[in-house]
Structure formats: structure tokens, C-alpha cells
Amino acid sequence: MGEPRKLRKRYSRPKVKHEGERIAAERKLVNKYGLKNKKEIWKAEAMVKRIRSVAKGLLTAPLEEQKDFLVSLGKRGLIQAKDVDDVLELKTENVLDRRLQTIVAGKFKLRPKQARQAIVHGHVLVGERKVNIPSFSVNLDSEMKISYIKVK
């Protein structure tokens, strides 16, 4: 059955509920990337925050650990950085660009909402695996293996 573990939220809500500038910026991101709700933006922001905090901790670490961290970010396609300081410039858009939904929309010339629907309906393969999660984070290696199944 597996060990039970405590499931934690992967995001945190904004402190100010009705902040006009933030709401407008989030609305632009929702429209650009075809997101379902603002929670998906908050998850991406939390991921950026975690990566930045790791980078800040690695500033005083040995060079080998820094290089390993930079290589892992490079493989995930988030940022091509030569130094840990460059990682601090990571933005939410970089994380949203690596979502399966965004890559399928760009690769197959679909609108973001159409790409989301194709993924949810199971028309997209990553390698040999059918993926039906629009927020699936695509590595650089897997990006070339994305294919679209046309249904008759």
C-alpha cells in the first residue's frame, strides 16, 4: 500500500486579497498560458521561490554543488545559467513555459485552451507515455519526444 505521508500545499495564497496590479498581471498570465485558475500561477511562483532559496543557499557552497544545481536546472530547461547569481533572475514565466500545455500549444500551433483540451483528452504522448496532465513539467530531453495522436 505504501507509506502514508502528509500532503502539503504546493503554493501559498497572496497576502493581500484584492490587489489590483497583481490581479491584472495574473489575468494576463492566465490568458497567455491558458491556465485553469490562479492556483496554477501560485504553484509556479512557489516553485520559483524554492529554486531561488536553494540558489541563495548555494552561494557559499563549493563549486561542484553549484555546478550540479545549474546542470539540473539546465536539464529541466528552466534557465541556462553560467553562475548561481543568474538563477536569481528566474521568473514565473520561465516555469510556465516548461509546462506541457505551453509546449504543445507552440509545437502544434494550437491555442492554449485547445492544447489543454487535447492533453486532458489523451491525445498527447511524451515518448511512449500518454500524459493527460497539462501542468506536466517537460525536460529538454522529453521535449523532442512529444507527439500528437489524431483521432478519427
N, C-alpha and C. Protein backbone atom coordinates (compact mmCIF):
# COMPACT_ATOMS: atom_id res chain seq x y z
N MET A 1 0.82 -1.20 0.00
CA MET A 1 0.00 0.00 0.00
C MET A 1 0.85 1.25 0.00
N GLY A 2 2.04 1.19 0.56
CA GLY A 2 2.88 2.38 0.60
C GLY A 2 2.74 3.11 1.92
N GLU A 3 3.68 3.94 2.19
CA GLU A 3 3.65 4.69 3.44
C GLU A 3 2.82 5.94 3.28
N PRO A 4 1.98 6.20 4.26
CA PRO A 4 1.23 7.45 4.20
C PRO A 4 2.16 8.62 4.48
N ARG A 5 1.92 9.69 3.82
CA ARG A 5 2.72 10.89 4.07
C ARG A 5 1.79 12.08 4.14
N LYS A 6 2.28 13.09 4.78
CA LYS A 6 1.46 14.29 4.91
C LYS A 6 1.53 15.07 3.61
N LEU A 7 0.39 15.28 3.00
CA LEU A 7 0.35 16.06 1.77
C LEU A 7 0.27 17.53 2.14
N ARG A 8 1.14 18.31 1.56
CA ARG A 8 1.19 19.74 1.85
C ARG A 8 0.82 20.53 0.60
N LYS A 9 0.33 21.71 0.81
CA LYS A 9 0.04 22.58 -0.32
C LYS A 9 1.35 22.94 -1.01
N ARG A 10 1.32 23.00 -2.32
CA ARG A 10 2.50 23.33 -3.11
C ARG A 10 2.52 24.81 -3.48
N TYR A 11 1.72 25.60 -2.79
CA TYR A 11 1.64 27.02 -3.10
C TYR A 11 1.20 27.76 -1.86
N SER A 12 1.27 29.09 -1.93
CA SER A 12 0.70 29.91 -0.86
C SER A 12 -0.09 31.03 -1.53
N ARG A 13 -1.19 31.38 -0.93
CA ARG A 13 -2.04 32.43 -1.48
C ARG A 13 -1.41 33.80 -1.25
N PRO A 14 -1.77 34.77 -2.06
CA PRO A 14 -1.27 36.13 -1.83
C PRO A 14 -1.77 36.68 -0.50
N LYS A 15 -0.95 37.51 0.11
CA LYS A 15 -1.32 38.06 1.42
C LYS A 15 -2.46 39.07 1.30
N VAL A 16 -2.41 39.91 0.25
CA VAL A 16 -3.45 40.91 0.03
C VAL A 16 -4.43 40.33 -1.00
N LYS A 17 -5.67 40.22 -0.60
CA LYS A 17 -6.66 39.54 -1.43
C LYS A 17 -7.01 40.32 -2.70
N HIS A 18 -7.30 41.60 -2.56
CA HIS A 18 -7.77 42.40 -3.69
C HIS A 18 -6.75 43.48 -4.04
N GLU A 19 -5.67 43.07 -4.67
CA GLU A 19 -4.64 44.00 -5.10
C GLU A 19 -4.74 44.12 -6.61
N GLY A 20 -5.10 45.29 -7.09
CA GLY A 20 -5.43 45.48 -8.49
C GLY A 20 -4.31 45.13 -9.46
N GLU A 21 -3.08 45.57 -9.17
CA GLU A 21 -1.97 45.32 -10.08
C GLU A 21 -1.67 43.83 -10.19
N ARG A 22 -1.68 43.13 -9.06
CA ARG A 22 -1.40 41.70 -9.05
C ARG A 22 -2.49 40.95 -9.82
N ILE A 23 -3.73 41.33 -9.60
CA ILE A 23 -4.85 40.65 -10.27
C ILE A 23 -4.75 40.85 -11.78
N ALA A 24 -4.39 42.05 -12.21
CA ALA A 24 -4.26 42.32 -13.65
C ALA A 24 -3.11 41.51 -14.25
N ALA A 25 -1.99 41.44 -13.53
CA ALA A 25 -0.84 40.66 -14.02
C ALA A 25 -1.19 39.17 -14.09
N GLU A 26 -1.90 38.67 -13.08
CA GLU A 26 -2.30 37.26 -13.09
C GLU A 26 -3.29 36.98 -14.21
N ARG A 27 -4.18 37.91 -14.49
CA ARG A 27 -5.15 37.72 -15.57
C ARG A 27 -4.43 37.61 -16.92
N LYS A 28 -3.38 38.42 -17.11
CA LYS A 28 -2.60 38.33 -18.35
C LYS A 28 -1.94 36.96 -18.48
N LEU A 29 -1.38 36.45 -17.37
CA LEU A 29 -0.74 35.14 -17.41
C LEU A 29 -1.76 34.03 -17.68
N VAL A 30 -2.93 34.13 -17.07
CA VAL A 30 -3.98 33.12 -17.29
C VAL A 30 -4.38 33.10 -18.76
N ASN A 31 -4.52 34.26 -19.36
CA ASN A 31 -4.91 34.33 -20.77
C ASN A 31 -3.79 33.87 -21.69
N LYS A 32 -2.56 34.24 -21.38
CA LYS A 32 -1.42 33.90 -22.24
C LYS A 32 -1.14 32.40 -22.24
N TYR A 33 -1.19 31.77 -21.06
CA TYR A 33 -0.82 30.37 -20.93
C TYR A 33 -2.03 29.44 -20.87
N GLY A 34 -3.24 29.97 -20.91
CA GLY A 34 -4.45 29.15 -20.91
C GLY A 34 -4.63 28.36 -19.63
N LEU A 35 -4.33 28.99 -18.51
CA LEU A 35 -4.41 28.30 -17.23
C LEU A 35 -5.86 28.16 -16.78
N LYS A 36 -6.09 27.15 -15.95
CA LYS A 36 -7.44 26.88 -15.47
C LYS A 36 -7.85 27.88 -14.40
N ASN A 37 -6.92 28.18 -13.50
CA ASN A 37 -7.22 29.10 -12.41
C ASN A 37 -5.93 29.74 -11.89
N LYS A 38 -6.06 30.64 -10.96
CA LYS A 38 -4.89 31.37 -10.45
C LYS A 38 -4.00 30.49 -9.58
N LYS A 39 -4.56 29.39 -9.09
CA LYS A 39 -3.77 28.48 -8.26
C LYS A 39 -2.55 27.96 -9.04
N GLU A 40 -2.71 27.76 -10.35
CA GLU A 40 -1.61 27.29 -11.17
C GLU A 40 -0.49 28.33 -11.23
N ILE A 41 -0.84 29.59 -11.22
CA ILE A 41 0.17 30.66 -11.18
C ILE A 41 0.88 30.63 -9.83
N TRP A 42 0.11 30.47 -8.77
CA TRP A 42 0.70 30.46 -7.43
C TRP A 42 1.64 29.28 -7.26
N LYS A 43 1.33 28.14 -7.87
CA LYS A 43 2.22 26.98 -7.81
C LYS A 43 3.54 27.28 -8.52
N ALA A 44 3.46 27.93 -9.68
CA ALA A 44 4.68 28.29 -10.41
C ALA A 44 5.50 29.30 -9.61
N GLU A 45 4.83 30.27 -8.99
CA GLU A 45 5.55 31.24 -8.16
C GLU A 45 6.23 30.57 -6.98
N ALA A 46 5.57 29.58 -6.38
CA ALA A 46 6.16 28.86 -5.26
C ALA A 46 7.38 28.07 -5.71
N MET A 47 7.32 27.50 -6.92
CA MET A 47 8.46 26.76 -7.45
C MET A 47 9.64 27.69 -7.68
N VAL A 48 9.38 28.87 -8.23
CA VAL A 48 10.44 29.85 -8.44
C VAL A 48 11.04 30.27 -7.10
N LYS A 49 10.19 30.46 -6.12
CA LYS A 49 10.66 30.86 -4.79
C LYS A 49 11.56 29.78 -4.18
N ARG A 50 11.18 28.50 -4.33
CA ARG A 50 12.00 27.41 -3.80
C ARG A 50 13.35 27.35 -4.51
N ILE A 51 13.35 27.49 -5.83
CA ILE A 51 14.60 27.44 -6.59
C ILE A 51 15.51 28.59 -6.20
N ARG A 52 14.94 29.78 -6.04
CA ARG A 52 15.75 30.93 -5.63
C ARG A 52 16.34 30.73 -4.24
N SER A 53 15.56 30.16 -3.32
CA SER A 53 16.08 29.96 -1.96
C SER A 53 17.21 28.94 -1.96
N VAL A 54 17.11 27.90 -2.79
CA VAL A 54 18.21 26.94 -2.91
C VAL A 54 19.44 27.63 -3.49
N ALA A 55 19.23 28.49 -4.49
CA ALA A 55 20.35 29.21 -5.10
C ALA A 55 21.03 30.13 -4.09
N LYS A 56 20.24 30.79 -3.26
CA LYS A 56 20.83 31.66 -2.24
C LYS A 56 21.65 30.85 -1.25
N GLY A 57 21.18 29.66 -0.91
CA GLY A 57 21.94 28.80 -0.01
C GLY A 57 23.21 28.27 -0.63
N LEU A 58 23.22 28.13 -1.96
CA LEU A 58 24.39 27.60 -2.65
C LEU A 58 25.45 28.65 -2.95
N LEU A 59 25.17 29.91 -2.68
CA LEU A 59 26.16 30.96 -2.97
C LEU A 59 27.46 30.72 -2.21
N THR A 60 27.37 30.16 -1.01
CA THR A 60 28.57 29.91 -0.20
C THR A 60 29.02 28.46 -0.29
N ALA A 61 28.32 27.63 -1.06
CA ALA A 61 28.64 26.21 -1.18
C ALA A 61 29.81 26.01 -2.15
N PRO A 62 30.42 24.82 -2.13
CA PRO A 62 31.51 24.52 -3.07
C PRO A 62 31.03 24.59 -4.52
N LEU A 63 31.98 24.79 -5.42
CA LEU A 63 31.65 24.96 -6.84
C LEU A 63 31.00 23.71 -7.44
N GLU A 64 31.37 22.53 -6.96
CA GLU A 64 30.77 21.31 -7.51
C GLU A 64 29.27 21.26 -7.26
N GLU A 65 28.85 21.63 -6.06
CA GLU A 65 27.41 21.64 -5.76
C GLU A 65 26.69 22.69 -6.60
N GLN A 66 27.32 23.83 -6.79
CA GLN A 66 26.72 24.87 -7.63
C GLN A 66 26.56 24.39 -9.06
N LYS A 67 27.60 23.72 -9.59
CA LYS A 67 27.53 23.23 -10.97
C LYS A 67 26.45 22.16 -11.12
N ASP A 68 26.33 21.27 -10.13
CA ASP A 68 25.29 20.25 -10.18
C ASP A 68 23.90 20.88 -10.22
N PHE A 69 23.72 21.91 -9.41
CA PHE A 69 22.44 22.62 -9.37
C PHE A 69 22.14 23.28 -10.72
N LEU A 70 23.14 23.93 -11.30
CA LEU A 70 22.95 24.60 -12.58
C LEU A 70 22.68 23.59 -13.70
N VAL A 71 23.35 22.44 -13.64
CA VAL A 71 23.11 21.40 -14.65
C VAL A 71 21.69 20.87 -14.53
N SER A 72 21.21 20.67 -13.29
CA SER A 72 19.84 20.17 -13.12
C SER A 72 18.81 21.17 -13.64
N LEU A 73 19.05 22.46 -13.41
CA LEU A 73 18.13 23.47 -13.96
C LEU A 73 18.19 23.50 -15.48
N GLY A 74 19.40 23.31 -16.02
CA GLY A 74 19.56 23.29 -17.47
C GLY A 74 18.84 22.11 -18.10
N LYS A 75 18.91 20.94 -17.47
CA LYS A 75 18.23 19.76 -17.99
C LYS A 75 16.72 19.93 -17.95
N ARG A 76 16.24 20.60 -16.92
CA ARG A 76 14.79 20.85 -16.83
C ARG A 76 14.36 21.95 -17.79
N GLY A 77 15.32 22.68 -18.35
CA GLY A 77 15.00 23.71 -19.33
C GLY A 77 14.53 25.01 -18.73
N LEU A 78 14.72 25.18 -17.43
CA LEU A 78 14.23 26.39 -16.78
C LEU A 78 15.09 27.60 -17.11
N ILE A 79 16.41 27.44 -17.02
CA ILE A 79 17.29 28.57 -17.28
C ILE A 79 18.66 28.04 -17.64
N GLN A 80 19.31 28.68 -18.59
CA GLN A 80 20.67 28.33 -18.96
C GLN A 80 21.60 29.33 -18.29
N ALA A 81 22.01 29.01 -17.07
CA ALA A 81 22.80 29.95 -16.27
C ALA A 81 24.23 29.46 -16.18
N LYS A 82 25.15 30.40 -16.18
CA LYS A 82 26.56 30.08 -16.01
C LYS A 82 26.98 30.27 -14.57
N ASP A 83 26.17 30.98 -13.80
CA ASP A 83 26.50 31.29 -12.41
C ASP A 83 25.23 31.19 -11.57
N VAL A 84 25.41 30.93 -10.29
CA VAL A 84 24.26 30.82 -9.39
C VAL A 84 23.53 32.15 -9.27
N ASP A 85 24.25 33.26 -9.43
CA ASP A 85 23.61 34.57 -9.37
C ASP A 85 22.57 34.74 -10.48
N ASP A 86 22.81 34.10 -11.63
CA ASP A 86 21.86 34.20 -12.74
C ASP A 86 20.53 33.52 -12.42
N VAL A 87 20.57 32.53 -11.53
CA VAL A 87 19.35 31.80 -11.17
C VAL A 87 18.38 32.72 -10.44
N LEU A 88 18.90 33.73 -9.77
CA LEU A 88 18.04 34.65 -9.03
C LEU A 88 17.17 35.48 -9.96
N GLU A 89 17.48 35.49 -11.25
CA GLU A 89 16.68 36.22 -12.24
C GLU A 89 15.55 35.35 -12.82
N LEU A 90 15.40 34.14 -12.32
CA LEU A 90 14.35 33.24 -12.78
C LEU A 90 12.98 33.86 -12.52
N LYS A 91 12.08 33.73 -13.50
CA LYS A 91 10.74 34.32 -13.38
C LYS A 91 9.68 33.24 -13.47
N THR A 92 8.49 33.60 -13.10
CA THR A 92 7.35 32.67 -13.16
C THR A 92 7.10 32.23 -14.60
N GLU A 93 7.33 33.12 -15.55
CA GLU A 93 7.11 32.79 -16.96
C GLU A 93 8.02 31.66 -17.42
N ASN A 94 9.26 31.61 -16.87
CA ASN A 94 10.18 30.53 -17.24
C ASN A 94 9.60 29.17 -16.85
N VAL A 95 8.98 29.09 -15.69
CA VAL A 95 8.37 27.84 -15.23
C VAL A 95 7.13 27.52 -16.06
N LEU A 96 6.31 28.52 -16.34
CA LEU A 96 5.09 28.29 -17.12
C LEU A 96 5.42 27.90 -18.56
N ASP A 97 6.56 28.35 -19.08
CA ASP A 97 6.96 27.97 -20.43
C ASP A 97 7.32 26.50 -20.55
N ARG A 98 7.67 25.85 -19.45
CA ARG A 98 8.06 24.45 -19.46
C ARG A 98 6.89 23.49 -19.24
N ARG A 99 5.69 24.02 -19.09
CA ARG A 99 4.51 23.17 -18.93
C ARG A 99 4.19 22.47 -20.24
N LEU A 100 3.65 21.27 -20.15
CA LEU A 100 3.28 20.51 -21.35
C LEU A 100 2.27 21.28 -22.18
N GLN A 101 1.33 21.94 -21.54
CA GLN A 101 0.30 22.69 -22.25
C GLN A 101 0.92 23.77 -23.13
N THR A 102 1.88 24.50 -22.61
CA THR A 102 2.50 25.58 -23.36
C THR A 102 3.32 25.04 -24.52
N ILE A 103 4.04 23.96 -24.29
CA ILE A 103 4.89 23.39 -25.33
C ILE A 103 4.04 22.80 -26.45
N VAL A 104 2.96 22.11 -26.10
CA VAL A 104 2.06 21.55 -27.11
C VAL A 104 1.42 22.67 -27.93
N ALA A 105 1.03 23.75 -27.27
CA ALA A 105 0.42 24.87 -27.98
C ALA A 105 1.39 25.46 -29.00
N GLY A 106 2.65 25.60 -28.63
CA GLY A 106 3.63 26.16 -29.55
C GLY A 106 4.03 25.19 -30.65
N LYS A 107 4.18 23.93 -30.30
CA LYS A 107 4.68 22.94 -31.25
C LYS A 107 3.66 22.57 -32.31
N PHE A 108 2.39 22.47 -31.93
CA PHE A 108 1.36 22.03 -32.85
C PHE A 108 0.43 23.16 -33.29
N LYS A 109 0.84 24.40 -33.04
CA LYS A 109 0.10 25.58 -33.48
C LYS A 109 -1.35 25.57 -33.01
N LEU A 110 -1.53 25.29 -31.71
CA LEU A 110 -2.85 25.31 -31.10
C LEU A 110 -2.96 26.48 -30.14
N ARG A 111 -4.16 26.92 -29.89
CA ARG A 111 -4.36 27.90 -28.84
C ARG A 111 -4.17 27.20 -27.50
N PRO A 112 -3.81 27.93 -26.45
CA PRO A 112 -3.55 27.27 -25.15
C PRO A 112 -4.73 26.45 -24.64
N LYS A 113 -5.95 26.93 -24.81
CA LYS A 113 -7.12 26.18 -24.35
C LYS A 113 -7.30 24.89 -25.16
N GLN A 114 -7.01 24.96 -26.47
CA GLN A 114 -7.10 23.76 -27.31
C GLN A 114 -6.04 22.75 -26.91
N ALA A 115 -4.84 23.25 -26.60
CA ALA A 115 -3.77 22.36 -26.17
C ALA A 115 -4.14 21.67 -24.87
N ARG A 116 -4.72 22.42 -23.95
CA ARG A 116 -5.15 21.83 -22.67
C ARG A 116 -6.18 20.74 -22.91
N GLN A 117 -7.14 21.00 -23.79
CA GLN A 117 -8.18 20.02 -24.07
C GLN A 117 -7.59 18.77 -24.71
N ALA A 118 -6.66 18.94 -25.65
CA ALA A 118 -6.03 17.78 -26.30
C ALA A 118 -5.28 16.93 -25.29
N ILE A 119 -4.61 17.57 -24.34
CA ILE A 119 -3.85 16.84 -23.32
C ILE A 119 -4.80 16.09 -22.40
N VAL A 120 -5.84 16.76 -21.92
CA VAL A 120 -6.78 16.14 -20.99
C VAL A 120 -7.51 14.97 -21.64
N HIS A 121 -7.78 15.07 -22.94
CA HIS A 121 -8.48 14.01 -23.64
C HIS A 121 -7.56 12.87 -24.06
N GLY A 122 -6.27 12.99 -23.77
CA GLY A 122 -5.33 11.90 -24.01
C GLY A 122 -4.80 11.83 -25.43
N HIS A 123 -4.71 12.95 -26.13
CA HIS A 123 -4.20 12.95 -27.50
C HIS A 123 -2.72 13.27 -27.58
N VAL A 124 -2.04 13.39 -26.45
CA VAL A 124 -0.63 13.79 -26.45
C VAL A 124 0.21 12.70 -25.79
N LEU A 125 1.29 12.32 -26.47
CA LEU A 125 2.25 11.37 -25.93
C LEU A 125 3.57 12.09 -25.66
N VAL A 126 4.21 11.73 -24.56
CA VAL A 126 5.57 12.18 -24.28
C VAL A 126 6.41 10.92 -24.29
N GLY A 127 7.14 10.72 -25.38
CA GLY A 127 7.84 9.46 -25.57
C GLY A 127 6.82 8.38 -25.87
N GLU A 128 6.81 7.33 -25.06
CA GLU A 128 5.84 6.25 -25.22
C GLU A 128 4.69 6.37 -24.23
N ARG A 129 4.71 7.40 -23.42
CA ARG A 129 3.75 7.54 -22.32
C ARG A 129 2.67 8.55 -22.65
N LYS A 130 1.43 8.17 -22.43
CA LYS A 130 0.32 9.11 -22.62
C LYS A 130 0.22 9.96 -21.36
N VAL A 131 0.32 11.26 -21.52
CA VAL A 131 0.27 12.18 -20.39
C VAL A 131 -1.00 13.01 -20.53
N ASN A 132 -1.81 13.03 -19.47
CA ASN A 132 -3.05 13.81 -19.52
C ASN A 132 -3.07 14.89 -18.44
N ILE A 133 -1.89 15.38 -18.09
CA ILE A 133 -1.75 16.42 -17.08
C ILE A 133 -1.16 17.67 -17.75
N PRO A 134 -1.94 18.73 -17.92
CA PRO A 134 -1.44 19.92 -18.60
C PRO A 134 -0.27 20.60 -17.89
N SER A 135 -0.18 20.44 -16.58
CA SER A 135 0.89 21.10 -15.83
C SER A 135 2.15 20.25 -15.75
N PHE A 136 2.20 19.14 -16.49
CA PHE A 136 3.37 18.27 -16.51
C PHE A 136 4.59 19.08 -16.93
N SER A 137 5.65 19.00 -16.14
CA SER A 137 6.87 19.76 -16.43
C SER A 137 7.73 18.95 -17.40
N VAL A 138 8.03 19.53 -18.55
CA VAL A 138 8.73 18.82 -19.61
C VAL A 138 10.21 19.16 -19.57
N ASN A 139 11.06 18.12 -19.54
CA ASN A 139 12.50 18.31 -19.61
C ASN A 139 12.91 18.60 -21.04
N LEU A 140 14.15 19.04 -21.22
CA LEU A 140 14.63 19.30 -22.57
C LEU A 140 14.71 18.01 -23.39
N ASP A 141 15.09 16.90 -22.74
CA ASP A 141 15.18 15.62 -23.45
C ASP A 141 13.80 15.17 -23.94
N SER A 142 12.79 15.34 -23.12
CA SER A 142 11.44 14.88 -23.45
C SER A 142 10.75 15.79 -24.46
N GLU A 143 11.22 17.01 -24.60
CA GLU A 143 10.52 17.97 -25.46
C GLU A 143 10.49 17.50 -26.91
N MET A 144 11.55 16.85 -27.36
CA MET A 144 11.59 16.39 -28.75
C MET A 144 10.72 15.15 -28.96
N LYS A 145 10.33 14.48 -27.88
CA LYS A 145 9.58 13.24 -27.99
C LYS A 145 8.08 13.44 -27.86
N ILE A 146 7.62 14.68 -27.87
CA ILE A 146 6.18 14.95 -27.75
C ILE A 146 5.52 14.71 -29.10
N SER A 147 4.45 13.92 -29.09
CA SER A 147 3.72 13.66 -30.33
C SER A 147 2.23 13.81 -30.08
N TYR A 148 1.52 14.06 -31.16
CA TYR A 148 0.08 14.32 -31.11
C TYR A 148 -0.63 13.19 -31.84
N ILE A 149 -1.61 12.58 -31.19
CA ILE A 149 -2.37 11.48 -31.78
C ILE A 149 -3.66 12.05 -32.35
N LYS A 150 -3.86 11.89 -33.64
CA LYS A 150 -5.10 12.36 -34.25
C LYS A 150 -6.14 11.26 -34.15
N VAL A 151 -7.32 11.63 -33.69
CA VAL A 151 -8.41 10.67 -33.54
C VAL A 151 -9.33 10.81 -34.74
N LYS A 152 -9.74 9.67 -35.27
CA LYS A 152 -10.61 9.69 -36.46
C LYS A 152 -12.04 9.89 -36.09
